[in-house]
Amino acid sequence: MVLSLFYRLNSGSRPTGVDYGLSYDIMKESEMVIAQVLRAFNNPSELKFRTLRGKSDILFAVFLPWAIEDYERRLTPCQNMGTPSNESRLRQDFPPLFTAKNGQLLPLQEEPCIVVDSCGIIILWYMPSSLSTKRNVSSVNVSYISILTERPIFQDIMNENIQILNGLFRQSLEATKVPCRRERGYKVPGTTLTSPGNMSFSPCWFNRAYRLSVSTSLRGWPRKPGIRYLREDRDSLCILGAVLSLIHPIAAKRGLAIMDGIAKGTIKNEATNSLDEARSVWSSPFTAISIISNRDTELHRDGKGFAPFYDLITTVGYYTGGRFEVPGIGLRFKYDPGTIMGLCGKVLGHSVAEVDGDRFCVVQYFHRKVLEGIHSDLSRHRDIRDWMRVQDFIDLVTPEVKLDY
């Protein structure tokens, strides 16, 4: 998937003689994702203020009064959630737009939007309803689940493919002490159609000996569940990777350069031989993917990430009542199946509440140490353009797509 495909699809044109080799269904699904990206960005000018609109209290665009780079500098390199006193000082120096008081809830955002800091850096993309019903079912009334005696047939692509990992989810719980499972947010095994748990994949991260290696989940060809999942869900991961190429092209280019280097052998990987043909099914520009099944997540920052680059978070499944909260900016987001979020997760604390039903979260991200270890220029001097700015997006899609921004 390439940048030109996305904005030319949206404008209804294609370069003469170019064949992207994509099926009609993939093209239409790409159009659907493009529409939500543009809806998130392309808001009428009168809505570009920190105000609520109408009785539904829906925010369309959010501008923060502080700079994300200043906020980041107040954090330690691997800081998750700091002490209460440190977090309190952060809130005082970098006040959120809204604060929940006396048991009240933060404002709920339901429409696509972006969150922009005082320097024009886009720190969050919110894109609900971005996936087709074929790729992911819409939010449904899940009360019928309780009367089912057998697992229903998963007919939508992403949910069906995630079932390949069900055994690995169970194994991941075995490594967790039983009393701690619920404390860590996992639903009680047996109460969900798919086992709670999580699984991570990476063709290049540092092992305990601090040597660049492939994750054990990708070793073994071709029958290992992790390999099967990547092969079967390749189109979905391609579409999601292409979303990154739109909302943060610099991050996408750096990630693809790493994947290309591994494939060509220019980047030395201790476990390259064990990766075998799995290289051919890794279709994401990110250096790591985590699949989280049936878990609500307490407030946290992603300490291993790279601050200027987004985590791409996609939620799928059969559930209702999903909410994604970012207290640092003072907002909640409706988090129904098919939602895609791009978030500076290393800097912004975020949490996900429990839902009624089965929920799976596909989190794609960059390991900071991998980026700095391979692209040594990142550790010596950070290019100011590593952060994605409003003007960067305008430059990317104009004049192929008309923007009102």
Protein backbone atom coordinates (compact mmCIF):
# COMPACT_ATOMS: atom_id res chain seq x y z
CA MET A 1 0.00 0.00 0.00
CA VAL A 2 1.39 3.39 -0.95
CA LEU A 3 0.53 7.00 -0.21
CA SER A 4 -0.51 7.81 -3.76
CA LEU A 5 -3.05 4.99 -3.65
CA PHE A 6 -4.83 6.52 -0.71
CA TYR A 7 -5.36 10.06 -1.88
CA ARG A 8 -5.96 9.07 -5.49
CA LEU A 9 -8.58 6.56 -4.40
CA ASN A 10 -10.35 9.30 -2.51
CA SER A 11 -10.22 11.71 -5.44
CA GLY A 12 -11.53 9.05 -7.81
CA SER A 13 -8.48 9.02 -10.08
CA ARG A 14 -5.49 6.80 -10.66
CA PRO A 15 -2.24 7.36 -12.54
CA THR A 16 -2.49 6.03 -16.09
CA GLY A 17 -1.05 2.57 -16.51
CA VAL A 18 -0.58 1.91 -12.80
CA ASP A 19 -1.86 -1.39 -11.44
CA TYR A 20 -1.63 -1.68 -7.66
CA GLY A 21 -2.54 -5.38 -7.78
CA LEU A 22 -5.32 -4.98 -5.23
CA SER A 23 -8.71 -6.63 -5.28
CA TYR A 24 -11.91 -4.64 -5.65
CA ASP A 25 -12.85 -5.39 -2.03
CA ILE A 26 -9.51 -4.11 -0.72
CA MET A 27 -9.86 -0.97 -2.84
CA LYS A 28 -13.33 -0.27 -1.44
CA GLU A 29 -12.19 -0.90 2.12
CA SER A 30 -9.27 1.45 1.57
CA GLU A 31 -11.72 4.11 0.43
CA MET A 32 -13.68 3.62 3.63
CA VAL A 33 -10.59 4.10 5.79
CA ILE A 34 -9.51 7.15 3.78
CA ALA A 35 -12.91 8.73 4.34
CA GLN A 36 -12.54 8.41 8.11
CA VAL A 37 -8.98 9.77 8.10
CA LEU A 38 -10.15 12.80 6.15
CA ARG A 39 -13.23 13.22 8.33
CA ALA A 40 -10.97 13.23 11.39
CA PHE A 41 -8.79 15.94 9.87
CA ASN A 42 -11.02 17.92 7.54
CA ASN A 43 -13.25 19.86 9.94
CA PRO A 44 -14.97 23.15 9.10
CA SER A 45 -12.93 26.10 10.33
CA GLU A 46 -15.55 27.29 12.78
CA LEU A 47 -15.21 24.01 14.69
CA LYS A 48 -11.45 24.28 15.24
CA PHE A 49 -11.77 25.46 18.80
CA ARG A 50 -11.98 23.92 22.26
CA THR A 51 -15.75 24.18 22.42
CA LEU A 52 -18.65 21.84 22.71
CA ARG A 53 -21.18 21.78 19.91
CA GLY A 54 -24.88 21.12 20.30
CA LYS A 55 -26.81 19.14 22.86
CA SER A 56 -24.84 15.99 22.19
CA ASP A 57 -21.65 17.56 23.55
CA ILE A 58 -19.61 16.28 20.59
CA LEU A 59 -16.18 17.74 19.98
CA PHE A 60 -15.02 17.89 16.37
CA ALA A 61 -11.50 19.27 16.75
CA VAL A 62 -9.41 19.72 19.84
CA PHE A 63 -6.57 22.19 20.34
CA LEU A 64 -4.48 21.93 23.49
CA PRO A 65 -2.95 25.00 25.17
CA TRP A 66 0.42 23.29 25.71
CA ALA A 67 3.16 21.58 23.68
CA ILE A 68 3.57 17.81 23.66
CA GLU A 69 7.37 18.15 23.43
CA ASP A 70 7.42 20.12 26.68
CA TYR A 71 5.21 17.46 28.26
CA GLU A 72 7.49 14.67 27.04
CA ARG A 73 10.59 16.33 28.48
CA ARG A 74 9.01 16.09 31.93
CA LEU A 75 8.86 12.29 31.67
CA THR A 76 11.68 9.84 32.28
CA PRO A 77 12.68 7.75 29.20
CA CYS A 78 10.71 4.67 30.31
CA GLN A 79 8.11 6.30 32.55
CA ASN A 80 4.79 4.52 32.85
CA MET A 81 2.47 6.25 35.28
CA GLY A 82 4.50 8.25 37.79
CA THR A 83 3.83 8.82 41.46
CA PRO A 84 0.59 10.62 42.36
CA SER A 85 2.55 13.77 43.21
CA ASN A 86 4.39 13.77 39.88
CA GLU A 87 1.19 13.18 37.94
CA SER A 88 -0.51 15.95 39.90
CA ARG A 89 2.26 18.39 38.97
CA LEU A 90 1.91 17.36 35.32
CA ARG A 91 -1.81 18.14 35.43
CA GLN A 92 -1.09 21.53 36.97
CA ASP A 93 1.56 22.47 34.43
CA PHE A 94 -0.22 20.86 31.47
CA PRO A 95 -3.91 21.16 32.31
CA PRO A 96 -6.37 18.87 30.49
CA LEU A 97 -9.26 20.42 28.62
CA PHE A 98 -11.72 18.83 31.01
CA THR A 99 -11.44 17.28 34.45
CA ALA A 100 -13.87 14.76 35.91
CA LYS A 101 -15.07 16.02 39.28
CA ASN A 102 -17.38 14.54 41.92
CA GLY A 103 -17.75 11.25 40.10
CA GLN A 104 -18.57 12.86 36.77
CA LEU A 105 -17.34 11.37 33.51
CA LEU A 106 -15.13 13.11 30.99
CA PRO A 107 -16.82 14.35 27.79
CA LEU A 108 -17.42 11.56 25.30
CA GLN A 109 -16.17 12.01 21.74
CA GLU A 110 -18.08 10.01 19.12
CA GLU A 111 -17.18 11.70 15.84
CA PRO A 112 -13.80 11.41 14.02
CA CYS A 113 -11.35 14.05 15.15
CA ILE A 114 -7.72 14.92 15.76
CA VAL A 115 -6.11 16.39 18.86
CA VAL A 116 -3.50 19.08 18.18
CA ASP A 117 -1.04 20.70 20.58
CA SER A 118 -0.13 24.38 20.75
CA CYS A 119 2.64 23.91 18.14
CA GLY A 120 0.44 22.23 15.56
CA ILE A 121 1.56 18.66 16.32
CA ILE A 122 -1.17 16.04 15.91
CA ILE A 123 -0.93 13.88 19.01
CA LEU A 124 -4.05 11.77 18.50
CA TRP A 125 -6.23 10.55 15.62
CA TYR A 126 -9.70 9.17 16.40
CA MET A 127 -11.32 7.23 13.55
CA PRO A 128 -14.42 5.23 14.57
CA SER A 129 -16.29 2.92 12.16
CA SER A 130 -13.24 2.64 9.93
CA LEU A 131 -13.51 -1.05 9.04
CA SER A 132 -16.11 -2.74 6.87
CA THR A 133 -18.59 -5.17 8.42
CA LYS A 134 -16.90 -7.91 6.41
CA ARG A 135 -13.56 -7.19 8.06
CA ASN A 136 -15.08 -6.57 11.47
CA VAL A 137 -18.63 -6.80 12.79
CA SER A 138 -20.32 -3.66 14.01
CA SER A 139 -21.30 -3.18 17.63
CA VAL A 140 -24.17 -5.55 18.41
CA ASN A 141 -26.47 -6.46 21.25
CA VAL A 142 -24.48 -9.28 22.79
CA SER A 143 -27.18 -10.52 25.15
CA TYR A 144 -27.65 -13.51 22.86
CA ILE A 145 -24.15 -14.73 23.74
CA SER A 146 -25.24 -15.93 27.17
CA ILE A 147 -27.71 -18.40 25.69
CA LEU A 148 -25.30 -19.92 23.19
CA THR A 149 -23.92 -23.30 24.06
CA GLU A 150 -21.38 -23.37 21.25
CA ARG A 151 -19.00 -20.83 19.80
CA PRO A 152 -20.67 -18.93 16.94
CA ILE A 153 -19.14 -19.01 13.49
CA PHE A 154 -16.88 -15.97 13.07
CA GLN A 155 -17.70 -14.68 9.61
CA ASP A 156 -15.80 -11.40 9.65
CA ILE A 157 -12.17 -11.54 8.68
CA MET A 158 -10.20 -10.05 11.58
CA ASN A 159 -12.18 -11.74 14.34
CA GLU A 160 -12.04 -15.08 12.58
CA ASN A 161 -8.28 -14.85 12.11
CA ILE A 162 -7.70 -13.90 15.73
CA GLN A 163 -9.27 -17.24 16.72
CA ILE A 164 -6.09 -18.87 15.40
CA LEU A 165 -4.37 -17.44 18.48
CA ASN A 166 -6.86 -18.79 21.02
CA GLY A 167 -4.48 -21.49 22.25
CA LEU A 168 -1.68 -18.96 22.63
CA PHE A 169 -3.98 -16.70 24.62
CA ARG A 170 -4.63 -19.57 27.06
CA GLN A 171 -0.90 -20.28 27.33
CA SER A 172 -0.19 -16.63 28.11
CA LEU A 173 -2.56 -16.84 31.07
CA GLU A 174 -0.76 -19.89 32.41
CA ALA A 175 2.30 -17.71 32.99
CA THR A 176 0.23 -15.32 35.08
CA LYS A 177 -0.40 -16.09 38.71
CA VAL A 178 -4.07 -16.95 39.18
CA PRO A 179 -4.80 -14.32 41.89
CA CYS A 180 -3.30 -11.63 39.65
CA ARG A 181 -5.25 -12.37 36.49
CA ARG A 182 -8.27 -10.24 37.28
CA GLU A 183 -6.08 -7.56 38.85
CA ARG A 184 -4.26 -7.29 35.53
CA GLY A 185 -7.55 -6.74 33.75
CA TYR A 186 -8.21 -10.16 32.22
CA LYS A 187 -11.75 -11.46 32.19
CA VAL A 188 -12.32 -14.69 34.10
CA PRO A 189 -11.58 -17.66 31.80
CA GLY A 190 -14.78 -19.44 30.79
CA THR A 191 -16.88 -16.26 30.78
CA THR A 192 -15.88 -15.30 27.25
CA LEU A 193 -16.14 -17.01 23.87
CA THR A 194 -12.40 -16.53 23.29
CA SER A 195 -9.78 -17.03 25.99
CA PRO A 196 -8.41 -13.90 27.64
CA GLY A 197 -4.73 -13.35 27.06
CA ASN A 198 -2.22 -11.54 24.88
CA MET A 199 0.37 -12.38 22.26
CA SER A 200 3.17 -10.24 20.83
CA PHE A 201 5.04 -10.57 17.55
CA SER A 202 8.15 -8.89 16.22
CA PRO A 203 10.70 -9.64 13.50
CA CYS A 204 13.22 -7.40 15.29
CA TRP A 205 13.41 -6.65 18.96
CA PHE A 206 16.14 -6.96 21.52
CA ASN A 207 16.27 -10.20 23.52
CA ARG A 208 17.49 -10.54 27.09
CA ALA A 209 21.08 -10.58 25.87
CA TYR A 210 20.35 -7.26 24.15
CA ARG A 211 20.82 -8.78 20.72
CA LEU A 212 18.48 -8.05 17.86
CA SER A 213 16.30 -11.09 17.45
CA VAL A 214 12.92 -12.32 16.29
CA SER A 215 10.18 -13.01 18.82
CA THR A 216 9.68 -16.65 19.71
CA SER A 217 6.06 -16.35 18.54
CA LEU A 218 7.32 -16.08 14.94
CA ARG A 219 9.73 -18.99 15.03
CA GLY A 220 8.73 -22.14 13.20
CA TRP A 221 7.32 -22.44 9.70
CA PRO A 222 4.64 -22.85 8.51
CA ARG A 223 2.29 -24.31 11.14
CA LYS A 224 2.97 -22.15 14.17
CA PRO A 225 -0.19 -20.20 15.10
CA GLY A 226 1.64 -16.87 14.96
CA ILE A 227 2.75 -17.50 11.39
CA ARG A 228 -0.70 -18.68 10.39
CA TYR A 229 -2.27 -15.56 11.90
CA LEU A 230 0.07 -13.19 10.03
CA ARG A 231 -0.55 -15.03 6.78
CA GLU A 232 -4.34 -15.08 7.12
CA ASP A 233 -4.69 -11.50 8.36
CA ARG A 234 -2.15 -10.03 5.96
CA ASP A 235 -4.65 -7.86 4.06
CA SER A 236 -5.99 -6.37 7.29
CA LEU A 237 -2.51 -5.54 8.56
CA CYS A 238 -1.67 -4.03 5.15
CA ILE A 239 -4.67 -1.73 5.35
CA LEU A 240 -3.76 -0.69 8.89
CA GLY A 241 -0.14 -0.14 7.88
CA ALA A 242 -1.32 2.06 5.06
CA VAL A 243 -3.28 4.12 7.58
CA LEU A 244 0.04 4.88 9.27
CA SER A 245 1.50 5.94 5.90
CA LEU A 246 -1.24 8.57 5.76
CA ILE A 247 -1.29 9.84 9.32
CA HIS A 248 2.49 9.62 9.91
CA PRO A 249 4.47 8.92 6.70
CA ILE A 250 7.88 9.45 8.33
CA ALA A 251 7.16 6.69 10.85
CA ALA A 252 5.93 4.39 8.07
CA LYS A 253 9.04 5.01 5.95
CA ARG A 254 11.39 4.31 8.86
CA GLY A 255 9.55 1.11 9.71
CA LEU A 256 9.50 -0.12 6.13
CA ALA A 257 13.22 0.64 5.81
CA ILE A 258 13.88 -1.68 8.78
CA MET A 259 11.75 -4.46 7.30
CA ASP A 260 13.51 -4.05 3.95
CA GLY A 261 16.91 -4.16 5.65
CA ILE A 262 16.06 -7.40 7.44
CA ALA A 263 14.78 -8.98 4.22
CA LYS A 264 17.92 -7.99 2.29
CA GLY A 265 20.30 -8.90 5.09
CA THR A 266 21.68 -5.40 5.50
CA ILE A 267 20.36 -5.37 9.07
CA LYS A 268 21.93 -8.21 11.03
CA ASN A 269 19.41 -10.19 13.02
CA GLU A 270 20.59 -12.92 15.37
CA ALA A 271 17.54 -15.05 14.65
CA THR A 272 17.11 -14.29 10.96
CA ASN A 273 17.56 -17.93 10.04
CA SER A 274 14.81 -19.02 12.39
CA LEU A 275 12.48 -16.45 10.87
CA ASP A 276 12.66 -18.26 7.53
CA GLU A 277 9.79 -17.41 5.21
CA ALA A 278 7.91 -15.51 7.91
CA ARG A 279 9.54 -12.38 6.51
CA SER A 280 7.23 -12.70 3.52
CA VAL A 281 4.09 -12.52 5.66
CA TRP A 282 5.10 -9.58 7.89
CA SER A 283 2.95 -6.91 6.27
CA SER A 284 3.19 -4.15 8.87
CA PRO A 285 5.59 -1.17 8.87
CA PHE A 286 5.62 -1.36 12.69
CA THR A 287 8.35 -3.28 14.49
CA ALA A 288 5.93 -5.06 16.82
CA ILE A 289 2.31 -6.16 17.08
CA SER A 290 0.40 -7.20 20.19
CA ILE A 291 -3.00 -8.90 20.11
CA ILE A 292 -4.89 -8.46 23.37
CA SER A 293 -7.96 -10.59 24.05
CA ASN A 294 -10.66 -9.76 26.58
CA ARG A 295 -8.76 -7.44 28.83
CA ASP A 296 -9.53 -4.01 30.21
CA THR A 297 -6.44 -1.89 30.70
CA GLU A 298 -5.69 0.44 33.57
CA LEU A 299 -4.19 3.87 33.01
CA HIS A 300 -0.67 3.53 31.61
CA ARG A 301 1.91 4.91 29.20
CA ASP A 302 3.73 2.72 26.69
CA GLY A 303 7.22 3.01 28.12
CA LYS A 304 8.97 1.05 25.35
CA GLY A 305 7.59 3.18 22.53
CA PHE A 306 9.01 6.13 20.62
CA ALA A 307 7.37 9.40 21.60
CA PRO A 308 6.93 11.13 18.19
CA PHE A 309 5.53 8.00 16.49
CA TYR A 310 1.99 6.74 16.92
CA ASP A 311 0.81 3.49 18.38
CA LEU A 312 -1.94 2.30 16.01
CA ILE A 313 -4.71 0.76 18.08
CA THR A 314 -7.56 -1.12 16.38
CA THR A 315 -10.43 -2.70 18.29
CA VAL A 316 -12.57 -5.51 16.90
CA GLY A 317 -14.95 -8.09 18.33
CA TYR A 318 -18.50 -8.62 19.55
CA TYR A 319 -19.21 -6.19 22.37
CA THR A 320 -20.94 -3.00 23.44
CA GLY A 321 -20.01 -0.09 25.68
CA GLY A 322 -16.37 0.37 24.71
CA ARG A 323 -14.64 3.48 26.07
CA PHE A 324 -11.06 4.69 25.58
CA GLU A 325 -9.96 7.37 28.04
CA VAL A 326 -7.06 9.84 27.84
CA PRO A 327 -7.16 11.83 31.09
CA GLY A 328 -4.10 13.92 30.16
CA ILE A 329 -6.15 15.72 27.51
CA GLY A 330 -9.44 15.30 29.40
CA LEU A 331 -11.47 13.23 26.94
CA ARG A 332 -13.12 9.83 26.52
CA PHE A 333 -13.71 8.24 23.14
CA LYS A 334 -16.42 5.86 22.06
CA TYR A 335 -14.50 2.65 21.40
CA ASP A 336 -16.79 0.36 19.45
CA PRO A 337 -15.64 -2.43 17.09
CA GLY A 338 -13.98 -1.07 13.97
CA THR A 339 -12.39 1.94 15.73
CA ILE A 340 -8.82 2.92 14.79
CA MET A 341 -6.77 5.28 16.94
CA GLY A 342 -3.35 6.77 16.33
CA LEU A 343 -1.90 7.86 19.65
CA CYS A 344 1.41 9.14 21.00
CA GLY A 345 1.09 6.40 23.60
CA LYS A 346 4.55 6.78 25.10
CA VAL A 347 3.62 10.28 26.26
CA LEU A 348 -0.14 10.21 26.80
CA GLY A 349 -1.52 7.96 29.52
CA HIS A 350 -4.56 5.98 28.38
CA SER A 351 -6.93 3.31 29.65
CA VAL A 352 -9.64 1.01 28.31
CA ALA A 353 -12.72 0.08 30.33
CA GLU A 354 -14.33 -3.35 30.60
CA VAL A 355 -17.02 -4.21 28.04
CA ASP A 356 -19.98 -6.56 27.68
CA GLY A 357 -18.85 -9.20 25.18
CA ASP A 358 -15.65 -10.32 23.49
CA ARG A 359 -13.15 -7.63 22.51
CA PHE A 360 -9.82 -7.98 20.73
CA CYS A 361 -7.32 -5.18 20.40
CA VAL A 362 -4.63 -5.10 17.72
CA VAL A 363 -1.84 -2.79 18.88
CA GLN A 364 0.94 -1.96 16.43
CA TYR A 365 3.91 0.02 17.70
CA PHE A 366 7.60 0.87 17.38
CA HIS A 367 10.21 -0.18 19.94
CA ARG A 368 12.26 2.89 20.82
CA LYS A 369 15.45 0.86 21.33
CA VAL A 370 15.04 -0.86 17.96
CA LEU A 371 14.61 2.46 16.17
CA GLU A 372 17.55 4.01 17.98
CA GLY A 373 19.70 0.93 17.57
CA ILE A 374 19.10 0.63 13.82
CA HIS A 375 18.62 4.30 12.95
CA SER A 376 21.45 5.65 15.08
CA ASP A 377 20.65 9.19 13.96
CA LEU A 378 17.54 9.08 16.14
CA SER A 379 19.61 8.79 19.31
CA ARG A 380 22.12 11.48 18.29
CA HIS A 381 19.76 14.14 17.04
CA ARG A 382 16.02 13.94 16.61
CA ASP A 383 14.69 15.50 13.45
CA ILE A 384 12.07 18.06 14.41
CA ARG A 385 9.91 16.66 11.62
CA ASP A 386 9.59 13.31 13.41
CA TRP A 387 6.42 14.63 14.99
CA MET A 388 3.43 14.76 12.63
CA ARG A 389 2.11 18.27 12.20
CA VAL A 390 -1.09 19.65 10.72
CA GLN A 391 0.91 21.27 7.91
CA ASP A 392 2.61 17.94 7.13
CA PHE A 393 -0.74 16.32 6.44
CA ILE A 394 -1.90 19.25 4.33
CA ASP A 395 1.30 19.04 2.28
CA LEU A 396 0.86 15.30 1.91
CA VAL A 397 -2.61 15.23 0.40
CA THR A 398 -2.97 18.63 -1.28
CA PRO A 399 -3.91 19.26 -4.07
CA GLU A 400 -5.21 15.72 -4.67
CA VAL A 401 -7.70 16.07 -1.84
CA LYS A 402 -9.52 19.28 -1.00
CA LEU A 403 -9.13 20.28 2.64
CA ASP A 404 -11.03 22.96 4.51
CA TYR A 405 -8.40 23.16 7.23
